[in-house]
Amino acid sequence: MLCSCPSDRLTAHQVLCHPWICENGVAPDRALDAAVMSRLKQFSAMNKLKKMALRVIAESLSEEEIAGLREMFKAMDTDNSGAITFDELKAGLRRYGSTMKDTEIRDLMDAADVDNSGTIDYGEFIAATIHLNKLEREEHLVAAFRYFDKDGSGYITVDELQQACAEHNMTDVFLEDIIKEDGRIDYGEFVAMMTKGNMGVGRRTMRNSLNISMRDAPGAL
């Protein structure tokens, strides 16, 4: 890790796999555990669009960027089913020193289980626990916006949101809570939602607080 030449330096993933760091094949990191708990709680307060966008971003991250979270998921998924049940989540959090009540753990479970399957799959876990500074990277925001903006119009419409919800098996979404006033979201409004608030967005309300014009939209990059 201290090699001055970057090409000779260990990657983050290699460090996590090193015998000096690993304990029974998993690198314990109490600071990471506390951070993951915080991220889960933040995730629970987000609206459905933001949760879907984080899932899209999570799927684009490299293995090195999510190495620690991958190992945590594997440690919680004790039956290797590829999904974490409520009992596995509760046991996993207890192992990491959590003193949360069952009701609080259930709330986290319901928040992370975006498709309402009753379990948290790998993609949902990564989306709920990735550090929010990933949202500061322009390429992630652009890719997520383009995922929703199916026709490349520069706006996310109600119909496009409905299509995205269907793709993520989300049937309990009230779109009026996400898209307000003129019924569509432009790139500036999308960025504001992802990096700041969690409430619904609308062109008139957002125009007062944003200084972002459509020249910044993905089509103009």
C-alpha atoms as a PDB file:
ATOM      1  CA  MET A   1       0.000   0.000   0.000  1.00  0.00           C
ATOM      2  CA  LEU A   2       2.965   2.319   0.560  1.00  0.00           C
ATOM      3  CA  CYS A   3       4.672   1.710  -2.789  1.00  0.00           C
ATOM      4  CA  SER A   4       5.350   5.060  -4.443  1.00  0.00           C
ATOM      5  CA  CYS A   5       4.719   3.618  -7.906  1.00  0.00           C
ATOM      6  CA  PRO A   6       0.954   3.218  -8.429  1.00  0.00           C
ATOM      7  CA  SER A   7       1.388   0.226 -10.717  1.00  0.00           C
ATOM      8  CA  ASP A   8       3.213  -1.674  -7.949  1.00  0.00           C
ATOM      9  CA  ARG A   9       0.721  -0.725  -5.244  1.00  0.00           C
ATOM     10  CA  LEU A  10      -1.908  -3.193  -4.029  1.00  0.00           C
ATOM     11  CA  THR A  11      -5.485  -2.479  -5.058  1.00  0.00           C
ATOM     12  CA  ALA A  12      -8.160  -2.054  -2.410  1.00  0.00           C
ATOM     13  CA  HIS A  13      -9.515  -5.517  -3.232  1.00  0.00           C
ATOM     14  CA  GLN A  14      -6.071  -7.118  -2.889  1.00  0.00           C
ATOM     15  CA  VAL A  15      -5.625  -5.447   0.491  1.00  0.00           C
ATOM     16  CA  LEU A  16      -8.973  -6.779   1.698  1.00  0.00           C
ATOM     17  CA  CYS A  17      -7.944 -10.287   0.601  1.00  0.00           C
ATOM     18  CA  HIS A  18      -4.480 -10.135   2.205  1.00  0.00           C
ATOM     19  CA  PRO A  19      -3.881 -12.595   5.130  1.00  0.00           C
ATOM     20  CA  TRP A  20      -2.816  -9.707   7.376  1.00  0.00           C
ATOM     21  CA  ILE A  21      -6.260  -8.133   6.936  1.00  0.00           C
ATOM     22  CA  CYS A  22      -8.580 -11.096   6.522  1.00  0.00           C
ATOM     23  CA  GLU A  23     -10.196 -12.983   9.370  1.00  0.00           C
ATOM     24  CA  ASN A  24     -11.733 -16.282   8.268  1.00  0.00           C
ATOM     25  CA  GLY A  25     -11.762 -14.995   4.709  1.00  0.00           C
ATOM     26  CA  VAL A  26     -13.553 -11.741   5.529  1.00  0.00           C
ATOM     27  CA  ALA A  27     -11.906  -8.438   6.348  1.00  0.00           C
ATOM     28  CA  PRO A  28     -13.556  -7.134   9.527  1.00  0.00           C
ATOM     29  CA  ASP A  29     -14.031  -3.395   9.599  1.00  0.00           C
ATOM     30  CA  ARG A  30     -16.065  -1.927  12.440  1.00  0.00           C
ATOM     31  CA  ALA A  31     -15.960   1.531  10.865  1.00  0.00           C
ATOM     32  CA  LEU A  32     -17.415   0.082   7.660  1.00  0.00           C
ATOM     33  CA  ASP A  33     -20.131  -1.666   9.642  1.00  0.00           C
ATOM     34  CA  ALA A  34     -21.182   1.584  11.317  1.00  0.00           C
ATOM     35  CA  ALA A  35     -21.155   3.320   7.933  1.00  0.00           C
ATOM     36  CA  VAL A  36     -23.277   0.568   6.396  1.00  0.00           C
ATOM     37  CA  MET A  37     -25.829   0.957   9.168  1.00  0.00           C
ATOM     38  CA  SER A  38     -25.980   4.680   8.485  1.00  0.00           C
ATOM     39  CA  ARG A  39     -26.394   4.104   4.757  1.00  0.00           C
ATOM     40  CA  LEU A  40     -29.236   1.652   5.305  1.00  0.00           C
ATOM     41  CA  LYS A  41     -31.048   4.226   7.431  1.00  0.00           C
ATOM     42  CA  GLN A  42     -30.483   6.938   4.803  1.00  0.00           C
ATOM     43  CA  PHE A  43     -31.745   4.588   2.107  1.00  0.00           C
ATOM     44  CA  SER A  44     -34.970   3.957   4.034  1.00  0.00           C
ATOM     45  CA  ALA A  45     -35.848   7.667   3.775  1.00  0.00           C
ATOM     46  CA  MET A  46     -35.416   7.888  -0.003  1.00  0.00           C
ATOM     47  CA  ASN A  47     -38.219   7.956  -2.524  1.00  0.00           C
ATOM     48  CA  LYS A  48     -38.661   5.075  -4.959  1.00  0.00           C
ATOM     49  CA  LEU A  49     -37.059   6.844  -7.924  1.00  0.00           C
ATOM     50  CA  LYS A  50     -33.893   7.516  -5.957  1.00  0.00           C
ATOM     51  CA  LYS A  51     -33.791   3.887  -4.801  1.00  0.00           C
ATOM     52  CA  MET A  52     -34.151   2.643  -8.381  1.00  0.00           C
ATOM     53  CA  ALA A  53     -31.448   5.063  -9.539  1.00  0.00           C
ATOM     54  CA  LEU A  54     -29.068   3.796  -6.856  1.00  0.00           C
ATOM     55  CA  ARG A  55     -29.722   0.249  -8.070  1.00  0.00           C
ATOM     56  CA  VAL A  56     -28.781   1.309 -11.602  1.00  0.00           C
ATOM     57  CA  ILE A  57     -25.611   3.002 -10.301  1.00  0.00           C
ATOM     58  CA  ALA A  58     -24.711   0.009  -8.112  1.00  0.00           C
ATOM     59  CA  GLU A  59     -24.831  -2.285 -11.144  1.00  0.00           C
ATOM     60  CA  SER A  60     -22.255  -0.099 -12.916  1.00  0.00           C
ATOM     61  CA  LEU A  61     -19.665  -0.116 -10.106  1.00  0.00           C
ATOM     62  CA  SER A  62     -16.468  -2.135 -10.376  1.00  0.00           C
ATOM     63  CA  GLU A  63     -15.734  -5.164  -8.206  1.00  0.00           C
ATOM     64  CA  GLU A  64     -13.036  -3.197  -6.390  1.00  0.00           C
ATOM     65  CA  GLU A  65     -15.480  -0.425  -5.471  1.00  0.00           C
ATOM     66  CA  ILE A  66     -17.869  -2.833  -3.766  1.00  0.00           C
ATOM     67  CA  ALA A  67     -15.448  -5.497  -2.493  1.00  0.00           C
ATOM     68  CA  GLY A  68     -16.090  -4.860   1.203  1.00  0.00           C
ATOM     69  CA  LEU A  69     -19.868  -4.756   0.725  1.00  0.00           C
ATOM     70  CA  ARG A  70     -19.782  -7.951  -1.321  1.00  0.00           C
ATOM     71  CA  GLU A  71     -18.003  -9.752   1.507  1.00  0.00           C
ATOM     72  CA  MET A  72     -20.528  -8.403   4.010  1.00  0.00           C
ATOM     73  CA  PHE A  73     -23.397  -9.659   1.851  1.00  0.00           C
ATOM     74  CA  LYS A  74     -21.809 -13.105   1.600  1.00  0.00           C
ATOM     75  CA  ALA A  75     -21.309 -13.204   5.364  1.00  0.00           C
ATOM     76  CA  MET A  76     -24.995 -12.395   5.975  1.00  0.00           C
ATOM     77  CA  ASP A  77     -26.290 -14.757   3.283  1.00  0.00           C
ATOM     78  CA  THR A  78     -25.496 -17.815   5.398  1.00  0.00           C
ATOM     79  CA  ASP A  79     -27.411 -20.292   3.204  1.00  0.00           C
ATOM     80  CA  ASN A  80     -25.773 -18.968   0.005  1.00  0.00           C
ATOM     81  CA  SER A  81     -29.181 -18.464  -1.605  1.00  0.00           C
ATOM     82  CA  GLY A  82     -28.230 -15.150  -3.184  1.00  0.00           C
ATOM     83  CA  ALA A  83     -30.710 -13.257  -1.019  1.00  0.00           C
ATOM     84  CA  ILE A  84     -30.804 -12.168   2.627  1.00  0.00           C
ATOM     85  CA  THR A  85     -33.874 -13.066   4.669  1.00  0.00           C
ATOM     86  CA  PHE A  86     -35.109 -11.119   7.672  1.00  0.00           C
ATOM     87  CA  ASP A  87     -33.586 -13.678  10.072  1.00  0.00           C
ATOM     88  CA  GLU A  88     -30.246 -13.544   8.230  1.00  0.00           C
ATOM     89  CA  LEU A  89     -30.245  -9.744   8.293  1.00  0.00           C
ATOM     90  CA  LYS A  90     -31.049  -9.707  12.004  1.00  0.00           C
ATOM     91  CA  ALA A  91     -28.358 -12.274  12.801  1.00  0.00           C
ATOM     92  CA  GLY A  92     -25.838 -10.465  10.597  1.00  0.00           C
ATOM     93  CA  LEU A  93     -26.476  -7.115  12.229  1.00  0.00           C
ATOM     94  CA  ARG A  94     -26.182  -8.712  15.663  1.00  0.00           C
ATOM     95  CA  ARG A  95     -22.784 -10.147  14.707  1.00  0.00           C
ATOM     96  CA  TYR A  96     -21.672  -6.650  13.746  1.00  0.00           C
ATOM     97  CA  GLY A  97     -22.677  -5.333  17.159  1.00  0.00           C
ATOM     98  CA  SER A  98     -26.065  -3.851  16.298  1.00  0.00           C
ATOM     99  CA  THR A  99     -28.542  -3.334  19.152  1.00  0.00           C
ATOM    100  CA  MET A 100     -31.454  -2.432  16.877  1.00  0.00           C
ATOM    101  CA  LYS A 101     -34.931  -3.624  17.787  1.00  0.00           C
ATOM    102  CA  ASP A 102     -36.651  -6.178  15.568  1.00  0.00           C
ATOM    103  CA  THR A 103     -39.098  -3.505  14.414  1.00  0.00           C
ATOM    104  CA  GLU A 104     -36.225  -1.249  13.325  1.00  0.00           C
ATOM    105  CA  ILE A 105     -34.559  -4.105  11.458  1.00  0.00           C
ATOM    106  CA  ARG A 106     -37.878  -4.878   9.774  1.00  0.00           C
ATOM    107  CA  ASP A 107     -38.128  -1.257   8.650  1.00  0.00           C
ATOM    108  CA  LEU A 108     -34.630  -1.475   7.129  1.00  0.00           C
ATOM    109  CA  MET A 109     -35.543  -4.771   5.477  1.00  0.00           C
ATOM    110  CA  ASP A 110     -38.692  -3.322   3.943  1.00  0.00           C
ATOM    111  CA  ALA A 111     -36.791  -0.254   2.717  1.00  0.00           C
ATOM    112  CA  ALA A 112     -34.024  -2.246   1.035  1.00  0.00           C
ATOM    113  CA  ASP A 113     -36.423  -4.820  -0.435  1.00  0.00           C
ATOM    114  CA  VAL A 114     -37.383  -2.568  -3.334  1.00  0.00           C
ATOM    115  CA  ASP A 115     -39.146  -5.275  -5.363  1.00  0.00           C
ATOM    116  CA  ASN A 116     -41.146  -6.524  -2.337  1.00  0.00           C
ATOM    117  CA  SER A 117     -39.869 -10.094  -2.702  1.00  0.00           C
ATOM    118  CA  GLY A 118     -39.540 -10.582   1.045  1.00  0.00           C
ATOM    119  CA  THR A 119     -35.745 -10.797   0.828  1.00  0.00           C
ATOM    120  CA  ILE A 120     -32.834  -8.499  -0.048  1.00  0.00           C
ATOM    121  CA  ASP A 121     -30.987  -9.658  -3.157  1.00  0.00           C
ATOM    122  CA  TYR A 122     -27.386  -8.744  -3.927  1.00  0.00           C
ATOM    123  CA  GLY A 123     -28.248  -5.780  -6.128  1.00  0.00           C
ATOM    124  CA  GLU A 124     -30.633  -4.353  -3.545  1.00  0.00           C
ATOM    125  CA  PHE A 125     -28.048  -4.732  -0.778  1.00  0.00           C
ATOM    126  CA  ILE A 126     -25.342  -2.939  -2.764  1.00  0.00           C
ATOM    127  CA  ALA A 127     -27.756  -0.173  -3.783  1.00  0.00           C
ATOM    128  CA  ALA A 128     -28.788   0.378  -0.160  1.00  0.00           C
ATOM    129  CA  THR A 129     -25.264   0.399   1.254  1.00  0.00           C
ATOM    130  CA  ILE A 130     -23.025   2.095  -1.326  1.00  0.00           C
ATOM    131  CA  HIS A 131     -21.579   5.348  -0.107  1.00  0.00           C
ATOM    132  CA  LEU A 132     -23.559   8.344  -1.297  1.00  0.00           C
ATOM    133  CA  ASN A 133     -20.386  10.037  -2.562  1.00  0.00           C
ATOM    134  CA  LYS A 134     -20.754   7.762  -5.595  1.00  0.00           C
ATOM    135  CA  LEU A 135     -23.539  10.141  -6.585  1.00  0.00           C
ATOM    136  CA  GLU A 136     -21.027  12.938  -7.039  1.00  0.00           C
ATOM    137  CA  ARG A 137     -19.583  11.227 -10.104  1.00  0.00           C
ATOM    138  CA  GLU A 138     -21.161  12.739 -13.189  1.00  0.00           C
ATOM    139  CA  GLU A 139     -20.937   9.580 -15.283  1.00  0.00           C
ATOM    140  CA  HIS A 140     -23.057   7.673 -12.757  1.00  0.00           C
ATOM    141  CA  LEU A 141     -25.740  10.340 -12.692  1.00  0.00           C
ATOM    142  CA  VAL A 142     -25.831  10.589 -16.490  1.00  0.00           C
ATOM    143  CA  ALA A 143     -26.089   6.801 -16.880  1.00  0.00           C
ATOM    144  CA  ALA A 144     -28.889   6.587 -14.318  1.00  0.00           C
ATOM    145  CA  PHE A 145     -30.842   9.440 -15.953  1.00  0.00           C
ATOM    146  CA  ARG A 146     -30.501   7.845 -19.382  1.00  0.00           C
ATOM    147  CA  TYR A 147     -31.792   4.557 -17.967  1.00  0.00           C
ATOM    148  CA  PHE A 148     -35.088   6.252 -17.066  1.00  0.00           C
ATOM    149  CA  ASP A 149     -35.217   8.611 -20.072  1.00  0.00           C
ATOM    150  CA  LYS A 150     -36.034   5.798 -22.486  1.00  0.00           C
ATOM    151  CA  ASP A 151     -36.775   7.989 -25.513  1.00  0.00           C
ATOM    152  CA  GLY A 152     -33.803  10.329 -25.003  1.00  0.00           C
ATOM    153  CA  SER A 153     -36.051  13.395 -24.802  1.00  0.00           C
ATOM    154  CA  GLY A 154     -34.130  14.959 -21.905  1.00  0.00           C
ATOM    155  CA  TYR A 155     -37.057  14.369 -19.545  1.00  0.00           C
ATOM    156  CA  ILE A 156     -38.265  11.478 -17.370  1.00  0.00           C
ATOM    157  CA  THR A 157     -42.025  11.163 -17.858  1.00  0.00           C
ATOM    158  CA  VAL A 158     -44.703   9.324 -15.910  1.00  0.00           C
ATOM    159  CA  ASP A 159     -44.886   6.629 -18.592  1.00  0.00           C
ATOM    160  CA  GLU A 160     -41.127   6.097 -18.435  1.00  0.00           C
ATOM    161  CA  LEU A 161     -41.263   5.851 -14.639  1.00  0.00           C
ATOM    162  CA  GLN A 162     -44.046   3.301 -14.912  1.00  0.00           C
ATOM    163  CA  GLN A 163     -41.877   1.255 -17.276  1.00  0.00           C
ATOM    164  CA  ALA A 164     -38.917   1.425 -14.874  1.00  0.00           C
ATOM    165  CA  CYS A 165     -41.145   0.379 -11.968  1.00  0.00           C
ATOM    166  CA  ALA A 166     -42.350  -2.626 -13.969  1.00  0.00           C
ATOM    167  CA  GLU A 167     -38.739  -3.600 -14.742  1.00  0.00           C
ATOM    168  CA  HIS A 168     -37.960  -3.532 -11.008  1.00  0.00           C
ATOM    169  CA  ASN A 169     -41.191  -5.338 -10.024  1.00  0.00           C
ATOM    170  CA  MET A 170     -42.322  -2.301  -8.040  1.00  0.00           C
ATOM    171  CA  THR A 171     -46.109  -2.197  -7.814  1.00  0.00           C
ATOM    172  CA  ASP A 172     -46.683   0.088  -4.815  1.00  0.00           C
ATOM    173  CA  VAL A 173     -45.292   3.335  -6.197  1.00  0.00           C
ATOM    174  CA  PHE A 174     -47.343   6.527  -6.107  1.00  0.00           C
ATOM    175  CA  LEU A 175     -45.859   8.388  -9.045  1.00  0.00           C
ATOM    176  CA  GLU A 176     -47.544  11.636  -8.051  1.00  0.00           C
ATOM    177  CA  ASP A 177     -45.287  11.649  -4.977  1.00  0.00           C
ATOM    178  CA  ILE A 178     -42.234  11.614  -7.267  1.00  0.00           C
ATOM    179  CA  ILE A 179     -43.270  13.719 -10.253  1.00  0.00           C
ATOM    180  CA  LYS A 180     -45.182  16.877  -9.444  1.00  0.00           C
ATOM    181  CA  GLU A 181     -46.663  19.867 -11.282  1.00  0.00           C
ATOM    182  CA  ASP A 182     -45.748  19.483 -14.961  1.00  0.00           C
ATOM    183  CA  GLY A 183     -45.467  15.691 -14.927  1.00  0.00           C
ATOM    184  CA  ARG A 184     -41.837  15.311 -15.938  1.00  0.00           C
ATOM    185  CA  ILE A 185     -38.309  15.569 -14.522  1.00  0.00           C
ATOM    186  CA  ASP A 186     -35.372  17.108 -16.371  1.00  0.00           C
ATOM    187  CA  TYR A 187     -31.717  16.306 -15.737  1.00  0.00           C
ATOM    188  CA  GLY A 188     -31.120  19.240 -13.409  1.00  0.00           C
ATOM    189  CA  GLU A 189     -34.060  18.248 -11.229  1.00  0.00           C
ATOM    190  CA  PHE A 190     -32.886  14.633 -11.231  1.00  0.00           C
ATOM    191  CA  VAL A 191     -29.389  15.634 -10.084  1.00  0.00           C
ATOM    192  CA  ALA A 192     -30.852  17.837  -7.358  1.00  0.00           C
ATOM    193  CA  MET A 193     -32.975  14.969  -6.066  1.00  0.00           C
ATOM    194  CA  MET A 194     -30.077  12.501  -6.118  1.00  0.00           C
ATOM    195  CA  THR A 195     -27.562  14.780  -4.422  1.00  0.00           C
ATOM    196  CA  LYS A 196     -29.815  16.744  -2.064  1.00  0.00           C
ATOM    197  CA  GLY A 197     -33.428  16.067  -1.180  1.00  0.00           C
ATOM    198  CA  ASN A 198     -35.559  12.925  -1.142  1.00  0.00           C
ATOM    199  CA  MET A 199     -38.957  14.460  -1.865  1.00  0.00           C
ATOM    200  CA  GLY A 200     -40.803  14.675  -5.166  1.00  0.00           C
ATOM    201  CA  VAL A 201     -39.581  17.185  -7.719  1.00  0.00           C
ATOM    202  CA  GLY A 202     -41.265  19.601 -10.093  1.00  0.00           C
ATOM    203  CA  ARG A 203     -39.980  22.161 -12.587  1.00  0.00           C
ATOM    204  CA  ARG A 204     -41.397  25.284 -10.938  1.00  0.00           C
ATOM    205  CA  THR A 205     -40.369  24.417  -7.374  1.00  0.00           C
ATOM    206  CA  MET A 206     -36.925  23.262  -8.428  1.00  0.00           C
ATOM    207  CA  ARG A 207     -36.340  26.213 -10.758  1.00  0.00           C
ATOM    208  CA  ASN A 208     -36.241  28.535  -7.754  1.00  0.00           C
ATOM    209  CA  SER A 209     -33.411  26.618  -6.090  1.00  0.00           C
ATOM    210  CA  LEU A 210     -31.419  25.414  -9.096  1.00  0.00           C
ATOM    211  CA  ASN A 211     -29.133  27.245 -11.459  1.00  0.00           C
ATOM    212  CA  ILE A 212     -28.869  24.317 -13.860  1.00  0.00           C
ATOM    213  CA  SER A 213     -30.071  24.729 -17.437  1.00  0.00           C
ATOM    214  CA  MET A 214     -30.881  22.144 -20.044  1.00  0.00           C
ATOM    215  CA  ARG A 215     -27.471  22.708 -21.635  1.00  0.00           C
ATOM    216  CA  ASP A 216     -26.204  20.438 -18.817  1.00  0.00           C
ATOM    217  CA  ALA A 217     -28.571  17.627 -19.753  1.00  0.00           C
ATOM    218  CA  PRO A 218     -27.112  14.287 -20.970  1.00  0.00           C
ATOM    219  CA  GLY A 219     -27.986  15.013 -24.591  1.00  0.00           C
ATOM    220  CA  ALA A 220     -25.716  18.038 -24.506  1.00  0.00           C
ATOM    221  CA  LEU A 221     -22.691  16.373 -22.923  1.00  0.00           C
END
